[in-house]
Amino acid sequence: MRFRHLLPAIVWTIVIFFIIAIPGSSIPESPLFLIPHFDKIVHTGIFLLLGIFSAYGFFKQGNKKFIKRNAYTLAVVFCVLYGGLTEVIQHFYIAERTGELADIIANTTGSATGVLLFYFLRKTNRLQKILSL
């Protein structure tokens, strides 16, 4: 496997874990949290990035035909499972935090959107232009 291509997804997965491990009382107050469902927007954005990074990492596994052929499916499955796991961890193990079905839906939406965005950019050759900047 070409782990260097998976490195952005691995690093972002770790960053997500540290974000979700923050106890509720340690999250700074912000007027943004007054926006209805702002936390769902954050969940979607965080997992959109994970979807892009995962799709890229799996797609670049040229020496593993099964992985490359199923890169998008693997990326979505990984992201959805991780998104669900983060909510379970929050619910049962993080002080003053709760896991919510709505958060899992936001995580899944972000993941699928990220993978689709990567697919679209790659298919239209825009990814090459973006990466060459």
C-alpha atoms as a PDB file:
ATOM      1  CA  MET A   1       0.000   0.000   0.000  1.00  0.00           C
ATOM      2  CA  ARG A   2       1.063   3.553  -0.595  1.00  0.00           C
ATOM      3  CA  PHE A   3       0.644   4.947   2.880  1.00  0.00           C
ATOM      4  CA  ARG A   4       1.843   8.411   1.904  1.00  0.00           C
ATOM      5  CA  HIS A   5      -1.389   8.878  -0.066  1.00  0.00           C
ATOM      6  CA  LEU A   6      -3.423   7.765   2.933  1.00  0.00           C
ATOM      7  CA  LEU A   7      -1.537  10.082   5.290  1.00  0.00           C
ATOM      8  CA  PRO A   8      -3.945  13.055   4.943  1.00  0.00           C
ATOM      9  CA  ALA A   9      -6.889  10.771   5.819  1.00  0.00           C
ATOM     10  CA  ILE A  10      -5.002   9.218   8.739  1.00  0.00           C
ATOM     11  CA  VAL A  11      -3.961  12.609  10.132  1.00  0.00           C
ATOM     12  CA  TRP A  12      -7.481  14.030   9.691  1.00  0.00           C
ATOM     13  CA  THR A  13      -8.975  10.945  11.395  1.00  0.00           C
ATOM     14  CA  ILE A  14      -6.724  11.615  14.401  1.00  0.00           C
ATOM     15  CA  VAL A  15      -7.644  15.324  14.399  1.00  0.00           C
ATOM     16  CA  ILE A  16     -11.347  14.389  14.399  1.00  0.00           C
ATOM     17  CA  PHE A  17     -10.773  12.092  17.368  1.00  0.00           C
ATOM     18  CA  PHE A  18      -9.129  14.875  19.361  1.00  0.00           C
ATOM     19  CA  ILE A  19     -11.953  17.255  18.465  1.00  0.00           C
ATOM     20  CA  ILE A  20     -14.653  14.834  19.609  1.00  0.00           C
ATOM     21  CA  ALA A  21     -12.710  14.028  22.800  1.00  0.00           C
ATOM     22  CA  ILE A  22     -13.050  17.602  24.088  1.00  0.00           C
ATOM     23  CA  PRO A  23     -15.403  17.580  27.090  1.00  0.00           C
ATOM     24  CA  GLY A  24     -18.518  19.672  26.619  1.00  0.00           C
ATOM     25  CA  SER A  25     -17.502  22.135  29.348  1.00  0.00           C
ATOM     26  CA  SER A  26     -14.188  22.841  27.560  1.00  0.00           C
ATOM     27  CA  ILE A  27     -15.755  23.876  24.257  1.00  0.00           C
ATOM     28  CA  PRO A  28     -15.427  27.665  24.007  1.00  0.00           C
ATOM     29  CA  GLU A  29     -18.578  29.757  23.782  1.00  0.00           C
ATOM     30  CA  SER A  30     -19.197  31.319  20.396  1.00  0.00           C
ATOM     31  CA  PRO A  31     -22.047  33.300  18.871  1.00  0.00           C
ATOM     32  CA  LEU A  32     -21.886  30.837  15.974  1.00  0.00           C
ATOM     33  CA  PHE A  33     -23.456  28.226  18.234  1.00  0.00           C
ATOM     34  CA  LEU A  34     -26.578  30.399  18.343  1.00  0.00           C
ATOM     35  CA  ILE A  35     -27.141  29.601  14.660  1.00  0.00           C
ATOM     36  CA  PRO A  36     -29.693  26.771  14.508  1.00  0.00           C
ATOM     37  CA  HIS A  37     -28.023  23.424  13.769  1.00  0.00           C
ATOM     38  CA  PHE A  38     -24.592  25.042  13.410  1.00  0.00           C
ATOM     39  CA  ASP A  39     -23.013  21.922  14.905  1.00  0.00           C
ATOM     40  CA  LYS A  40     -24.476  19.860  12.043  1.00  0.00           C
ATOM     41  CA  ILE A  41     -22.798  22.190   9.537  1.00  0.00           C
ATOM     42  CA  VAL A  42     -19.505  21.643  11.372  1.00  0.00           C
ATOM     43  CA  HIS A  43     -19.990  17.855  11.344  1.00  0.00           C
ATOM     44  CA  THR A  44     -20.740  17.928   7.616  1.00  0.00           C
ATOM     45  CA  GLY A  45     -17.654  20.021   6.857  1.00  0.00           C
ATOM     46  CA  ILE A  46     -15.309  17.925   8.982  1.00  0.00           C
ATOM     47  CA  PHE A  47     -16.471  14.697   7.368  1.00  0.00           C
ATOM     48  CA  LEU A  48     -16.532  16.231   3.878  1.00  0.00           C
ATOM     49  CA  LEU A  49     -12.767  16.687   4.241  1.00  0.00           C
ATOM     50  CA  LEU A  50     -12.388  13.130   5.534  1.00  0.00           C
ATOM     51  CA  GLY A  51     -14.345  11.885   2.503  1.00  0.00           C
ATOM     52  CA  ILE A  52     -12.044  13.743   0.096  1.00  0.00           C
ATOM     53  CA  PHE A  53      -8.866  12.612   1.867  1.00  0.00           C
ATOM     54  CA  SER A  54     -10.066   8.994   2.095  1.00  0.00           C
ATOM     55  CA  ALA A  55     -11.170   8.815  -1.538  1.00  0.00           C
ATOM     56  CA  TYR A  56      -7.811  10.234  -2.615  1.00  0.00           C
ATOM     57  CA  GLY A  57      -5.882   7.808  -0.409  1.00  0.00           C
ATOM     58  CA  PHE A  58      -7.766   4.726  -1.559  1.00  0.00           C
ATOM     59  CA  PHE A  59      -7.780   5.791  -5.211  1.00  0.00           C
ATOM     60  CA  LYS A  60      -4.004   6.216  -5.238  1.00  0.00           C
ATOM     61  CA  GLN A  61      -3.458   2.586  -4.215  1.00  0.00           C
ATOM     62  CA  GLY A  62      -2.337   1.630  -7.719  1.00  0.00           C
ATOM     63  CA  ASN A  63      -0.564  -1.527  -6.593  1.00  0.00           C
ATOM     64  CA  LYS A  64      -3.768  -2.940  -5.095  1.00  0.00           C
ATOM     65  CA  LYS A  65      -6.330  -3.312  -7.880  1.00  0.00           C
ATOM     66  CA  PHE A  66      -9.201  -4.269  -5.567  1.00  0.00           C
ATOM     67  CA  ILE A  67      -8.685  -1.175  -3.428  1.00  0.00           C
ATOM     68  CA  LYS A  68      -8.306   1.178  -6.381  1.00  0.00           C
ATOM     69  CA  ARG A  69     -11.346  -0.294  -8.165  1.00  0.00           C
ATOM     70  CA  ASN A  70     -13.467   0.098  -5.032  1.00  0.00           C
ATOM     71  CA  ALA A  71     -11.872   3.314  -3.749  1.00  0.00           C
ATOM     72  CA  TYR A  72     -15.066   5.332  -3.537  1.00  0.00           C
ATOM     73  CA  THR A  73     -17.058   2.594  -1.837  1.00  0.00           C
ATOM     74  CA  LEU A  74     -14.240   1.935   0.633  1.00  0.00           C
ATOM     75  CA  ALA A  75     -13.934   5.649   1.382  1.00  0.00           C
ATOM     76  CA  VAL A  76     -17.663   6.028   2.072  1.00  0.00           C
ATOM     77  CA  VAL A  77     -17.797   2.865   4.194  1.00  0.00           C
ATOM     78  CA  PHE A  78     -14.744   3.919   6.217  1.00  0.00           C
ATOM     79  CA  CYS A  79     -16.074   7.440   6.786  1.00  0.00           C
ATOM     80  CA  VAL A  80     -19.591   6.320   7.709  1.00  0.00           C
ATOM     81  CA  LEU A  81     -18.289   3.712  10.159  1.00  0.00           C
ATOM     82  CA  TYR A  82     -15.871   6.203  11.693  1.00  0.00           C
ATOM     83  CA  GLY A  83     -18.597   8.843  11.893  1.00  0.00           C
ATOM     84  CA  GLY A  84     -20.846   6.407  13.737  1.00  0.00           C
ATOM     85  CA  LEU A  85     -18.014   5.325  16.023  1.00  0.00           C
ATOM     86  CA  THR A  86     -17.250   8.931  16.969  1.00  0.00           C
ATOM     87  CA  GLU A  87     -20.848   9.422  18.072  1.00  0.00           C
ATOM     88  CA  VAL A  88     -20.803   6.231  20.152  1.00  0.00           C
ATOM     89  CA  ILE A  89     -17.538   7.338  21.800  1.00  0.00           C
ATOM     90  CA  GLN A  90     -18.978  10.783  22.523  1.00  0.00           C
ATOM     91  CA  HIS A  91     -22.173   9.338  23.948  1.00  0.00           C
ATOM     92  CA  PHE A  92     -20.599   6.791  26.287  1.00  0.00           C
ATOM     93  CA  TYR A  93     -17.101   8.033  27.073  1.00  0.00           C
ATOM     94  CA  ILE A  94     -16.788  11.830  26.761  1.00  0.00           C
ATOM     95  CA  ALA A  95     -17.957  13.986  29.661  1.00  0.00           C
ATOM     96  CA  GLU A  96     -20.826  16.338  28.915  1.00  0.00           C
ATOM     97  CA  ARG A  97     -21.137  15.191  25.306  1.00  0.00           C
ATOM     98  CA  THR A  98     -23.852  13.115  23.668  1.00  0.00           C
ATOM     99  CA  GLY A  99     -23.978  11.151  20.465  1.00  0.00           C
ATOM    100  CA  GLU A 100     -26.893  12.013  18.219  1.00  0.00           C
ATOM    101  CA  LEU A 101     -28.493  10.356  15.223  1.00  0.00           C
ATOM    102  CA  ALA A 102     -28.616  13.782  13.550  1.00  0.00           C
ATOM    103  CA  ASP A 103     -24.822  14.012  13.920  1.00  0.00           C
ATOM    104  CA  ILE A 104     -24.407  10.607  12.284  1.00  0.00           C
ATOM    105  CA  ILE A 105     -26.585  11.814   9.408  1.00  0.00           C
ATOM    106  CA  ALA A 106     -24.475  14.992   9.102  1.00  0.00           C
ATOM    107  CA  ASN A 107     -21.264  12.912   9.206  1.00  0.00           C
ATOM    108  CA  THR A 108     -22.613  10.598   6.504  1.00  0.00           C
ATOM    109  CA  THR A 109     -23.780  13.508   4.350  1.00  0.00           C
ATOM    110  CA  GLY A 110     -20.378  15.169   4.592  1.00  0.00           C
ATOM    111  CA  SER A 111     -18.543  11.924   3.855  1.00  0.00           C
ATOM    112  CA  ALA A 112     -20.616  11.086   0.787  1.00  0.00           C
ATOM    113  CA  THR A 113     -20.394  14.666  -0.479  1.00  0.00           C
ATOM    114  CA  GLY A 114     -16.612  14.658  -0.067  1.00  0.00           C
ATOM    115  CA  VAL A 115     -16.235  11.386  -1.956  1.00  0.00           C
ATOM    116  CA  LEU A 116     -18.559  12.616  -4.719  1.00  0.00           C
ATOM    117  CA  LEU A 117     -16.644  15.886  -4.936  1.00  0.00           C
ATOM    118  CA  PHE A 118     -13.353  14.010  -5.297  1.00  0.00           C
ATOM    119  CA  TYR A 119     -14.927  11.771  -7.963  1.00  0.00           C
ATOM    120  CA  PHE A 120     -16.281  14.769  -9.896  1.00  0.00           C
ATOM    121  CA  LEU A 121     -13.003  16.686  -9.738  1.00  0.00           C
ATOM    122  CA  ARG A 122     -11.042  13.634 -10.870  1.00  0.00           C
ATOM    123  CA  LYS A 123     -13.409  12.785 -13.720  1.00  0.00           C
ATOM    124  CA  THR A 124     -13.411  16.333 -15.072  1.00  0.00           C
ATOM    125  CA  ASN A 125      -9.603  16.619 -14.784  1.00  0.00           C
ATOM    126  CA  ARG A 126     -10.008  19.559 -12.423  1.00  0.00           C
ATOM    127  CA  LEU A 127      -8.214  17.700  -9.650  1.00  0.00           C
ATOM    128  CA  GLN A 128      -4.971  17.740 -11.622  1.00  0.00           C
ATOM    129  CA  LYS A 129      -5.297  21.497 -12.122  1.00  0.00           C
ATOM    130  CA  ILE A 130      -5.992  22.071  -8.431  1.00  0.00           C
ATOM    131  CA  LEU A 131      -3.089  19.906  -7.267  1.00  0.00           C
ATOM    132  CA  SER A 132      -0.661  21.550  -9.683  1.00  0.00           C
ATOM    133  CA  LEU A 133      -1.208  25.044  -8.213  1.00  0.00           C
END
